[in-house]
Protein backbone atom coordinates (compact mmCIF):
# COMPACT_ATOMS: atom_id res chain seq x y z
CA MET A 1 32.92 -103.46 -149.58
CA THR A 2 35.46 -104.54 -146.21
CA VAL A 3 36.16 -103.00 -143.58
CA GLY A 4 39.72 -102.45 -144.90
CA GLN A 5 38.72 -101.16 -147.64
CA ILE A 6 36.59 -98.40 -146.54
CA ALA A 7 39.61 -97.64 -144.07
CA MET A 8 42.24 -97.26 -146.75
CA PRO A 9 40.78 -97.01 -150.29
CA THR A 10 42.98 -98.07 -152.75
CA SER A 11 44.03 -96.16 -155.92
CA GLU A 12 41.94 -98.79 -157.86
CA ASN A 13 38.84 -98.15 -155.60
CA THR A 14 39.20 -94.76 -155.77
CA ILE A 15 39.25 -94.66 -159.41
CA ARG A 16 36.18 -97.02 -159.55
CA ALA A 17 34.15 -94.54 -157.19
CA THR A 18 34.86 -91.63 -158.80
CA GLU A 19 34.33 -93.19 -162.67
CA ALA A 20 30.70 -94.29 -160.86
CA SER A 21 29.66 -91.08 -159.44
CA GLY A 22 31.07 -89.10 -162.27
CA SER A 23 32.98 -86.77 -159.74
CA ARG A 24 36.73 -86.23 -160.50
CA PRO A 25 38.97 -86.01 -157.11
CA ARG A 26 40.17 -82.14 -157.14
CA PRO A 27 43.15 -81.42 -155.19
CA SER A 28 42.85 -79.04 -151.92
CA ALA A 29 44.82 -75.99 -151.37
CA SER A 30 47.08 -77.51 -149.05
CA ASP A 31 47.64 -80.22 -151.66
CA SER A 32 48.97 -77.48 -154.17
CA ALA A 33 50.54 -75.89 -151.64
CA GLY A 34 52.58 -78.65 -150.79
CA PHE A 35 53.29 -79.53 -153.85
CA ALA A 36 54.56 -76.15 -154.84
CA PHE A 37 56.76 -76.14 -151.45
CA ALA A 38 58.46 -79.71 -152.74
CA ILE A 39 59.40 -78.53 -155.99
CA GLY A 40 60.41 -74.89 -154.46
CA VAL A 41 63.08 -76.75 -152.48
CA ALA A 42 63.73 -79.69 -154.70
CA ALA A 43 64.58 -78.07 -157.93
CA PRO A 44 67.31 -75.91 -156.67
CA ALA A 45 68.96 -78.66 -155.27
CA VAL A 46 69.09 -80.53 -158.45
CA ILE A 47 70.24 -77.99 -160.38
CA GLU A 48 72.97 -77.58 -157.69
CA THR A 49 73.92 -81.22 -158.18
CA VAL A 50 73.83 -81.18 -161.76
CA GLY A 51 76.31 -78.55 -161.33
CA LEU A 52 78.72 -80.60 -159.05
CA LEU A 53 78.68 -83.63 -161.10
CA ALA A 54 79.28 -81.73 -165.03
CA GLY A 55 82.64 -80.10 -163.27
CA PRO A 56 84.41 -77.72 -165.66
CA ALA A 57 81.04 -78.53 -168.05
CA ARG A 58 78.53 -76.94 -165.34
CA GLY A 59 77.25 -73.67 -167.16
CA THR A 60 76.47 -76.46 -170.41
CA ALA A 61 75.25 -78.92 -167.72
CA VAL A 62 72.80 -76.63 -166.28
CA SER A 63 71.30 -75.16 -169.53
CA LEU A 64 70.73 -78.48 -170.90
CA PHE A 65 69.10 -79.89 -167.57
CA THR A 66 66.53 -76.50 -166.96
CA PHE A 67 65.60 -76.95 -171.14
CA PHE A 68 64.94 -80.52 -170.30
CA LEU A 69 62.96 -79.57 -167.34
CA PHE A 70 60.78 -76.80 -169.23
CA THR A 71 59.95 -78.64 -171.85
CA GLY A 72 59.04 -81.33 -169.46
CA ALA A 73 56.74 -78.57 -167.50
CA GLY A 74 55.31 -77.56 -171.03
CA ILE A 75 54.46 -81.08 -172.88
CA GLY A 76 53.37 -82.56 -169.49
CA PRO A 77 49.70 -81.03 -169.43
CA VAL A 78 49.52 -81.75 -173.37
CA VAL A 79 50.05 -85.45 -172.53
CA ALA A 80 48.36 -86.16 -169.79
CA SER A 81 45.24 -84.01 -171.57
CA ALA A 82 45.58 -86.66 -174.55
CA ALA A 83 46.18 -89.46 -172.21
CA ALA A 84 42.70 -88.77 -169.87
CA PRO A 85 40.42 -90.62 -172.78
CA TYR A 86 42.47 -94.12 -172.13
CA GLY A 87 42.42 -93.89 -168.19
CA ALA A 88 44.78 -94.02 -165.56
CA ALA A 89 46.52 -97.06 -166.28
CA ALA A 90 47.66 -95.70 -170.05
CA LEU A 91 49.02 -92.19 -168.04
CA MET A 92 50.77 -94.04 -165.35
CA TYR A 93 52.38 -96.69 -168.06
CA GLY A 94 53.97 -93.47 -170.33
CA VAL A 95 55.15 -92.15 -167.49
CA ALA A 96 56.77 -95.38 -166.53
CA GLY A 97 57.85 -96.13 -170.09
CA ALA A 98 59.50 -92.51 -171.10
CA PRO A 99 62.44 -93.12 -168.74
CA ALA A 100 62.99 -96.60 -169.54
CA LEU A 101 62.82 -95.79 -173.17
CA GLY A 102 65.48 -93.25 -172.16
CA GLY A 103 67.57 -95.65 -170.40
CA GLY A 104 67.50 -97.74 -172.98
CA LEU A 105 69.06 -95.11 -175.63
CA VAL A 106 71.36 -94.07 -173.48
CA LEU A 107 72.56 -97.56 -172.74
CA ILE A 108 72.55 -98.71 -176.56
CA ALA A 109 74.06 -94.43 -177.01
CA SER A 110 77.06 -95.78 -174.15
CA SER A 111 77.93 -99.29 -175.44
CA GLY A 112 80.88 -99.99 -176.80
CA ARG A 113 82.74 -96.45 -174.78
CA ARG A 114 84.62 -97.02 -171.72
CA ILE A 115 82.78 -94.15 -169.12
CA ARG A 116 85.34 -92.67 -166.35
């Protein structure tokens, strides 16, 4: 190992080290608190933004956003558990691929329509 790898380990080195030792990284209490704080700050801001962009359809837009938010929160742990045996790379490709697939479907659905 070089000094740079010891001082600033990359995620690949971290994954190799945890796999070799058989241990798994555990989040600390401050990690959990920071995560909860970030969600607590971001969620109301996103809901407000969705409502502002929806205009007169504010109630429908906020309801749909909340539905998809909680659906994702419920399905996320199940998908992560199912992808765990395939490694972190498979999970990350899935996380990156899902929005890309959704964006592609939106583009296909809106092709030929004029959006104002």
